Amino acid sequence: MRRFFDPKRWRTVLFDRARLRPLAPKRLAGQQHDLDLIADIERLREHLGVEKWTVFGGSWGSTLALAYAIAHPERVQALILRGVFLRPSAKLHWFYQDGASMLFPDAWERFLKPIRRLNDGDMVGSLSHVA
């Protein structure tokens, strides 16, 4: 994500939530863990001594950025969001079940190989078991 910011103008802090929590639909619904991630971001801000910052998020990170901004509006100078993915079930179904698979069938088949055996036919259900 650093490529989005000129280091001569921005002090960039990267928070990699993917290392903290696997991206799996059942876990996405877990509000308690979302609150833990928001608290982690706030602890990071405090640790770094930053009064206010611009929060950037892409894809699911845009949802997390919005949630952080709602929880701590006094700490957010601005939001930069790209590829907003707010995770309603219809979008998850399109992305992981019947949608993207029709646009990119070859890539979809490669994506399915390690997952198909877990829960054939229910991609969203299969992904909830991959961690």
N, C-alpha and C. Protein backbone atom coordinates (compact mmCIF):
# COMPACT_ATOMS: atom_id res chain seq x y z
N MET A 1 0.81 -1.20 0.00
CA MET A 1 0.00 0.00 0.00
C MET A 1 0.85 1.27 0.00
N ARG A 2 2.13 1.11 0.26
CA ARG A 2 2.99 2.30 0.30
C ARG A 2 3.01 3.04 -1.02
N ARG A 3 2.80 2.34 -2.11
CA ARG A 3 2.92 2.98 -3.42
C ARG A 3 1.89 4.09 -3.63
N PHE A 4 0.84 4.11 -2.83
CA PHE A 4 -0.17 5.15 -2.95
C PHE A 4 0.27 6.48 -2.34
N PHE A 5 1.37 6.47 -1.60
CA PHE A 5 1.78 7.67 -0.86
C PHE A 5 3.23 8.03 -1.12
N ASP A 6 3.46 9.29 -1.42
CA ASP A 6 4.81 9.82 -1.63
C ASP A 6 5.48 9.96 -0.26
N PRO A 7 6.56 9.23 -0.01
CA PRO A 7 7.20 9.29 1.31
C PRO A 7 7.78 10.67 1.66
N LYS A 8 7.93 11.53 0.67
CA LYS A 8 8.40 12.88 0.94
C LYS A 8 7.29 13.75 1.55
N ARG A 9 6.04 13.32 1.36
CA ARG A 9 4.90 14.10 1.85
C ARG A 9 4.13 13.41 2.97
N TRP A 10 4.25 12.07 3.05
CA TRP A 10 3.44 11.31 4.00
C TRP A 10 4.31 10.49 4.93
N ARG A 11 3.96 10.48 6.19
CA ARG A 11 4.49 9.49 7.14
C ARG A 11 3.48 8.34 7.08
N THR A 12 3.89 7.20 6.61
CA THR A 12 2.98 6.10 6.37
C THR A 12 3.16 5.01 7.41
N VAL A 13 2.06 4.61 8.02
CA VAL A 13 2.04 3.52 8.97
C VAL A 13 1.13 2.45 8.38
N LEU A 14 1.66 1.27 8.17
CA LEU A 14 0.87 0.20 7.59
C LEU A 14 0.38 -0.74 8.69
N PHE A 15 -0.91 -0.96 8.72
CA PHE A 15 -1.52 -1.86 9.68
C PHE A 15 -2.04 -3.04 8.89
N ASP A 16 -1.44 -4.20 9.08
CA ASP A 16 -1.79 -5.38 8.29
C ASP A 16 -2.74 -6.26 9.08
N ARG A 17 -4.02 -6.01 8.96
CA ARG A 17 -5.00 -6.80 9.71
C ARG A 17 -5.08 -8.24 9.19
N ALA A 18 -4.59 -8.50 7.99
CA ALA A 18 -4.63 -9.86 7.46
C ALA A 18 -3.77 -10.80 8.30
N ARG A 19 -2.75 -10.27 8.93
CA ARG A 19 -1.90 -11.11 9.78
C ARG A 19 -2.57 -11.41 11.12
N LEU A 20 -3.58 -10.63 11.44
CA LEU A 20 -4.25 -10.81 12.72
C LEU A 20 -5.49 -11.69 12.61
N ARG A 21 -6.09 -11.72 11.43
CA ARG A 21 -7.36 -12.42 11.29
C ARG A 21 -7.55 -12.89 9.87
N PRO A 22 -7.75 -14.18 9.65
CA PRO A 22 -7.98 -14.67 8.29
C PRO A 22 -9.26 -14.10 7.71
N LEU A 23 -9.24 -13.78 6.43
CA LEU A 23 -10.41 -13.25 5.74
C LEU A 23 -11.32 -14.40 5.37
N ALA A 24 -12.30 -14.66 6.20
CA ALA A 24 -13.24 -15.74 5.97
C ALA A 24 -14.64 -15.24 6.31
N PRO A 25 -15.63 -15.52 5.47
CA PRO A 25 -16.95 -14.94 5.67
C PRO A 25 -17.57 -15.13 7.06
N LYS A 26 -17.45 -16.29 7.68
CA LYS A 26 -18.04 -16.44 9.01
C LYS A 26 -17.38 -15.51 10.01
N ARG A 27 -16.09 -15.36 9.88
CA ARG A 27 -15.39 -14.47 10.81
C ARG A 27 -15.66 -13.01 10.50
N LEU A 28 -15.97 -12.69 9.24
CA LEU A 28 -16.29 -11.31 8.90
C LEU A 28 -17.52 -10.84 9.67
N ALA A 29 -18.42 -11.75 9.97
CA ALA A 29 -19.63 -11.40 10.68
C ALA A 29 -19.37 -11.18 12.17
N GLY A 30 -18.19 -11.55 12.66
CA GLY A 30 -17.90 -11.46 14.09
C GLY A 30 -17.62 -10.04 14.53
N GLN A 31 -18.64 -9.39 15.07
CA GLN A 31 -18.50 -7.99 15.45
C GLN A 31 -17.48 -7.78 16.56
N GLN A 32 -17.35 -8.72 17.49
CA GLN A 32 -16.40 -8.54 18.58
C GLN A 32 -14.98 -8.41 18.05
N HIS A 33 -14.62 -9.24 17.07
CA HIS A 33 -13.26 -9.14 16.55
C HIS A 33 -13.06 -7.84 15.79
N ASP A 34 -14.10 -7.35 15.11
CA ASP A 34 -14.02 -6.04 14.45
C ASP A 34 -13.69 -4.97 15.49
N LEU A 35 -14.35 -5.04 16.65
CA LEU A 35 -14.09 -4.07 17.71
C LEU A 35 -12.67 -4.19 18.22
N ASP A 36 -12.15 -5.41 18.30
CA ASP A 36 -10.76 -5.61 18.72
C ASP A 36 -9.80 -4.95 17.73
N LEU A 37 -10.08 -5.07 16.43
CA LEU A 37 -9.21 -4.45 15.43
C LEU A 37 -9.25 -2.94 15.52
N ILE A 38 -10.42 -2.37 15.76
CA ILE A 38 -10.54 -0.92 15.92
C ILE A 38 -9.73 -0.48 17.14
N ALA A 39 -9.83 -1.23 18.22
CA ALA A 39 -9.04 -0.91 19.42
C ALA A 39 -7.55 -1.04 19.14
N ASP A 40 -7.15 -2.04 18.34
CA ASP A 40 -5.74 -2.19 17.97
C ASP A 40 -5.24 -0.98 17.20
N ILE A 41 -6.04 -0.49 16.27
CA ILE A 41 -5.65 0.69 15.48
C ILE A 41 -5.49 1.89 16.40
N GLU A 42 -6.41 2.05 17.33
CA GLU A 42 -6.33 3.17 18.26
C GLU A 42 -5.10 3.05 19.16
N ARG A 43 -4.80 1.85 19.62
CA ARG A 43 -3.58 1.66 20.42
C ARG A 43 -2.33 1.98 19.60
N LEU A 44 -2.33 1.62 18.33
CA LEU A 44 -1.20 1.94 17.46
C LEU A 44 -1.03 3.45 17.32
N ARG A 45 -2.15 4.16 17.12
CA ARG A 45 -2.09 5.62 17.02
C ARG A 45 -1.51 6.22 18.30
N GLU A 46 -2.00 5.76 19.44
CA GLU A 46 -1.51 6.27 20.72
C GLU A 46 -0.02 5.97 20.90
N HIS A 47 0.38 4.74 20.58
CA HIS A 47 1.77 4.33 20.70
C HIS A 47 2.70 5.21 19.86
N LEU A 48 2.24 5.58 18.68
CA LEU A 48 3.06 6.40 17.78
C LEU A 48 2.99 7.89 18.12
N GLY A 49 2.11 8.27 19.03
CA GLY A 49 1.99 9.66 19.43
C GLY A 49 1.38 10.55 18.36
N VAL A 50 0.50 9.99 17.56
CA VAL A 50 -0.16 10.75 16.49
C VAL A 50 -1.47 11.32 17.03
N GLU A 51 -1.64 12.63 16.93
CA GLU A 51 -2.86 13.28 17.42
C GLU A 51 -4.04 13.00 16.50
N LYS A 52 -3.88 13.27 15.21
CA LYS A 52 -4.90 13.03 14.19
C LYS A 52 -4.21 12.46 12.97
N TRP A 53 -4.92 11.59 12.25
CA TRP A 53 -4.30 11.03 11.06
C TRP A 53 -5.31 10.80 9.96
N THR A 54 -4.76 10.64 8.76
CA THR A 54 -5.56 10.27 7.61
C THR A 54 -5.59 8.75 7.57
N VAL A 55 -6.78 8.19 7.50
CA VAL A 55 -6.93 6.74 7.52
C VAL A 55 -7.26 6.27 6.10
N PHE A 56 -6.49 5.32 5.63
CA PHE A 56 -6.62 4.78 4.28
C PHE A 56 -7.04 3.32 4.38
N GLY A 57 -7.97 2.91 3.51
CA GLY A 57 -8.36 1.50 3.49
C GLY A 57 -8.82 1.09 2.11
N GLY A 58 -8.50 -0.15 1.77
CA GLY A 58 -8.93 -0.69 0.48
C GLY A 58 -9.65 -2.01 0.67
N SER A 59 -10.66 -2.23 -0.13
CA SER A 59 -11.48 -3.44 -0.09
C SER A 59 -12.07 -3.58 1.31
N TRP A 60 -11.87 -4.73 1.97
CA TRP A 60 -12.43 -4.88 3.31
C TRP A 60 -11.83 -3.86 4.27
N GLY A 61 -10.59 -3.42 4.00
CA GLY A 61 -9.96 -2.40 4.83
C GLY A 61 -10.71 -1.08 4.80
N SER A 62 -11.48 -0.83 3.73
CA SER A 62 -12.29 0.39 3.69
C SER A 62 -13.40 0.31 4.73
N THR A 63 -13.95 -0.89 4.94
CA THR A 63 -14.97 -1.08 5.98
C THR A 63 -14.36 -0.83 7.35
N LEU A 64 -13.17 -1.37 7.56
CA LEU A 64 -12.49 -1.18 8.84
C LEU A 64 -12.15 0.30 9.06
N ALA A 65 -11.71 0.99 8.01
CA ALA A 65 -11.40 2.42 8.11
C ALA A 65 -12.65 3.22 8.49
N LEU A 66 -13.77 2.90 7.86
CA LEU A 66 -15.02 3.58 8.19
C LEU A 66 -15.42 3.31 9.64
N ALA A 67 -15.31 2.06 10.06
CA ALA A 67 -15.66 1.70 11.44
C ALA A 67 -14.77 2.43 12.44
N TYR A 68 -13.47 2.53 12.12
CA TYR A 68 -12.55 3.26 13.00
C TYR A 68 -12.94 4.73 13.07
N ALA A 69 -13.26 5.33 11.92
CA ALA A 69 -13.62 6.74 11.87
C ALA A 69 -14.91 7.01 12.66
N ILE A 70 -15.84 6.08 12.63
CA ILE A 70 -17.07 6.23 13.40
C ILE A 70 -16.77 6.14 14.90
N ALA A 71 -15.89 5.23 15.28
CA ALA A 71 -15.55 5.03 16.69
C ALA A 71 -14.67 6.15 17.24
N HIS A 72 -13.82 6.75 16.39
CA HIS A 72 -12.86 7.76 16.84
C HIS A 72 -12.83 8.96 15.90
N PRO A 73 -13.95 9.65 15.71
CA PRO A 73 -13.98 10.76 14.74
C PRO A 73 -13.03 11.90 15.09
N GLU A 74 -12.75 12.07 16.37
CA GLU A 74 -11.84 13.14 16.80
C GLU A 74 -10.39 12.86 16.43
N ARG A 75 -10.08 11.63 16.05
CA ARG A 75 -8.71 11.23 15.70
C ARG A 75 -8.48 11.14 14.19
N VAL A 76 -9.54 11.30 13.41
CA VAL A 76 -9.44 11.13 11.96
C VAL A 76 -9.50 12.49 11.27
N GLN A 77 -8.40 12.83 10.62
CA GLN A 77 -8.31 14.08 9.86
C GLN A 77 -9.04 13.93 8.53
N ALA A 78 -8.87 12.76 7.89
CA ALA A 78 -9.49 12.48 6.60
C ALA A 78 -9.52 10.97 6.38
N LEU A 79 -10.39 10.56 5.47
CA LEU A 79 -10.47 9.16 5.05
C LEU A 79 -10.14 9.08 3.58
N ILE A 80 -9.36 8.08 3.20
CA ILE A 80 -9.12 7.76 1.80
C ILE A 80 -9.54 6.30 1.63
N LEU A 81 -10.57 6.09 0.83
CA LEU A 81 -11.11 4.74 0.64
C LEU A 81 -11.03 4.36 -0.82
N ARG A 82 -10.61 3.13 -1.09
CA ARG A 82 -10.56 2.64 -2.47
C ARG A 82 -11.14 1.23 -2.49
N GLY A 83 -11.82 0.89 -3.56
CA GLY A 83 -12.38 -0.45 -3.69
C GLY A 83 -13.27 -0.81 -2.52
N VAL A 84 -14.19 0.05 -2.18
CA VAL A 84 -15.04 -0.14 -1.00
C VAL A 84 -15.79 -1.47 -1.09
N PHE A 85 -15.66 -2.28 -0.06
CA PHE A 85 -16.30 -3.60 0.02
C PHE A 85 -16.95 -3.68 1.39
N LEU A 86 -18.25 -3.44 1.45
CA LEU A 86 -18.93 -3.36 2.74
C LEU A 86 -19.52 -4.67 3.23
N ARG A 87 -19.24 -5.74 2.54
CA ARG A 87 -19.53 -7.11 2.90
C ARG A 87 -20.98 -7.52 3.10
N PRO A 88 -21.96 -6.94 2.39
CA PRO A 88 -23.29 -7.54 2.48
C PRO A 88 -23.27 -8.93 1.84
N SER A 89 -24.14 -9.79 2.26
CA SER A 89 -24.09 -11.18 1.81
C SER A 89 -24.24 -11.32 0.30
N ALA A 90 -25.02 -10.47 -0.35
CA ALA A 90 -25.17 -10.56 -1.81
C ALA A 90 -23.84 -10.32 -2.52
N LYS A 91 -23.06 -9.38 -2.01
CA LYS A 91 -21.76 -9.10 -2.64
C LYS A 91 -20.77 -10.22 -2.37
N LEU A 92 -20.81 -10.78 -1.17
CA LEU A 92 -19.95 -11.92 -0.88
C LEU A 92 -20.29 -13.08 -1.81
N HIS A 93 -21.59 -13.32 -1.98
CA HIS A 93 -22.03 -14.41 -2.86
C HIS A 93 -21.55 -14.16 -4.29
N TRP A 94 -21.67 -12.92 -4.79
CA TRP A 94 -21.22 -12.61 -6.14
C TRP A 94 -19.72 -12.81 -6.26
N PHE A 95 -18.99 -12.31 -5.29
CA PHE A 95 -17.54 -12.35 -5.35
C PHE A 95 -16.99 -13.76 -5.20
N TYR A 96 -17.57 -14.54 -4.29
CA TYR A 96 -17.03 -15.86 -3.97
C TYR A 96 -17.84 -17.04 -4.51
N GLN A 97 -18.98 -16.81 -5.13
CA GLN A 97 -19.80 -17.93 -5.55
C GLN A 97 -20.17 -17.84 -7.04
N ASP A 98 -21.13 -17.01 -7.37
CA ASP A 98 -21.65 -16.93 -8.75
C ASP A 98 -21.56 -15.50 -9.26
N GLY A 99 -20.48 -15.15 -9.84
CA GLY A 99 -20.29 -13.80 -10.37
C GLY A 99 -18.90 -13.67 -10.95
N ALA A 100 -17.93 -13.49 -10.08
CA ALA A 100 -16.55 -13.38 -10.53
C ALA A 100 -16.13 -14.64 -11.27
N SER A 101 -16.69 -15.78 -10.86
CA SER A 101 -16.35 -17.05 -11.51
C SER A 101 -16.73 -17.06 -12.98
N MET A 102 -17.77 -16.32 -13.33
CA MET A 102 -18.21 -16.27 -14.73
C MET A 102 -17.37 -15.31 -15.56
N LEU A 103 -16.78 -14.32 -14.91
CA LEU A 103 -15.95 -13.34 -15.62
C LEU A 103 -14.55 -13.87 -15.89
N PHE A 104 -14.02 -14.64 -14.96
CA PHE A 104 -12.65 -15.14 -15.05
C PHE A 104 -12.62 -16.65 -14.78
N PRO A 105 -13.19 -17.45 -15.67
CA PRO A 105 -13.31 -18.90 -15.39
C PRO A 105 -11.98 -19.62 -15.19
N ASP A 106 -10.94 -19.27 -15.93
CA ASP A 106 -9.65 -19.94 -15.75
C ASP A 106 -9.04 -19.63 -14.39
N ALA A 107 -9.04 -18.37 -14.02
CA ALA A 107 -8.51 -17.97 -12.72
C ALA A 107 -9.35 -18.58 -11.60
N TRP A 108 -10.65 -18.64 -11.82
CA TRP A 108 -11.56 -19.21 -10.83
C TRP A 108 -11.23 -20.68 -10.56
N GLU A 109 -10.95 -21.43 -11.60
CA GLU A 109 -10.61 -22.85 -11.43
C GLU A 109 -9.33 -23.01 -10.61
N ARG A 110 -8.35 -22.17 -10.86
CA ARG A 110 -7.10 -22.23 -10.06
C ARG A 110 -7.38 -21.87 -8.60
N PHE A 111 -8.25 -20.90 -8.41
CA PHE A 111 -8.62 -20.47 -7.06
C PHE A 111 -9.33 -21.59 -6.30
N LEU A 112 -10.16 -22.36 -7.00
CA LEU A 112 -10.95 -23.42 -6.37
C LEU A 112 -10.16 -24.65 -5.95
N LYS A 113 -9.07 -24.92 -6.63
CA LYS A 113 -8.36 -26.19 -6.41
C LYS A 113 -8.16 -26.54 -4.94
N PRO A 114 -7.58 -25.68 -4.12
CA PRO A 114 -7.35 -26.10 -2.73
C PRO A 114 -8.61 -26.05 -1.86
N ILE A 115 -9.66 -25.45 -2.34
CA ILE A 115 -10.85 -25.21 -1.52
C ILE A 115 -11.99 -26.17 -1.83
N ARG A 116 -12.15 -26.53 -3.08
CA ARG A 116 -13.31 -27.31 -3.52
C ARG A 116 -13.58 -28.53 -2.65
N ARG A 117 -12.53 -29.23 -2.27
CA ARG A 117 -12.70 -30.47 -1.52
C ARG A 117 -13.32 -30.24 -0.14
N LEU A 118 -13.27 -29.02 0.37
CA LEU A 118 -13.78 -28.76 1.71
C LEU A 118 -15.31 -28.76 1.78
N ASN A 119 -15.95 -28.13 0.84
CA ASN A 119 -17.40 -27.98 0.90
C ASN A 119 -17.93 -27.74 -0.51
N ASP A 120 -17.90 -28.75 -1.34
CA ASP A 120 -18.24 -28.62 -2.75
C ASP A 120 -19.60 -27.96 -2.94
N GLY A 121 -19.61 -26.93 -3.76
CA GLY A 121 -20.85 -26.25 -4.10
C GLY A 121 -21.14 -25.00 -3.29
N ASP A 122 -20.60 -24.89 -2.11
CA ASP A 122 -20.84 -23.73 -1.26
C ASP A 122 -19.52 -23.04 -0.97
N MET A 123 -19.14 -22.14 -1.88
CA MET A 123 -17.84 -21.49 -1.77
C MET A 123 -17.73 -20.64 -0.51
N VAL A 124 -18.76 -19.88 -0.18
CA VAL A 124 -18.72 -19.03 1.01
C VAL A 124 -18.56 -19.89 2.25
N GLY A 125 -19.31 -21.00 2.30
CA GLY A 125 -19.17 -21.93 3.43
C GLY A 125 -17.78 -22.56 3.49
N SER A 126 -17.22 -22.87 2.34
CA SER A 126 -15.88 -23.46 2.29
C SER A 126 -14.84 -22.49 2.83
N LEU A 127 -14.95 -21.24 2.44
CA LEU A 127 -13.96 -20.25 2.87
C LEU A 127 -14.00 -20.02 4.37
N SER A 128 -15.14 -20.24 5.00
CA SER A 128 -15.22 -20.04 6.44
C SER A 128 -14.42 -21.11 7.18
N HIS A 129 -14.01 -22.19 6.49
CA HIS A 129 -13.23 -23.26 7.12
C HIS A 129 -11.74 -23.16 6.77
N VAL A 130 -11.37 -22.22 5.92
CA VAL A 130 -9.97 -22.07 5.51
C VAL A 130 -9.33 -21.03 6.40
N ALA A 131 -8.28 -21.39 7.09
CA ALA A 131 -7.59 -20.41 7.94
C ALA A 131 -6.15 -20.82 8.09
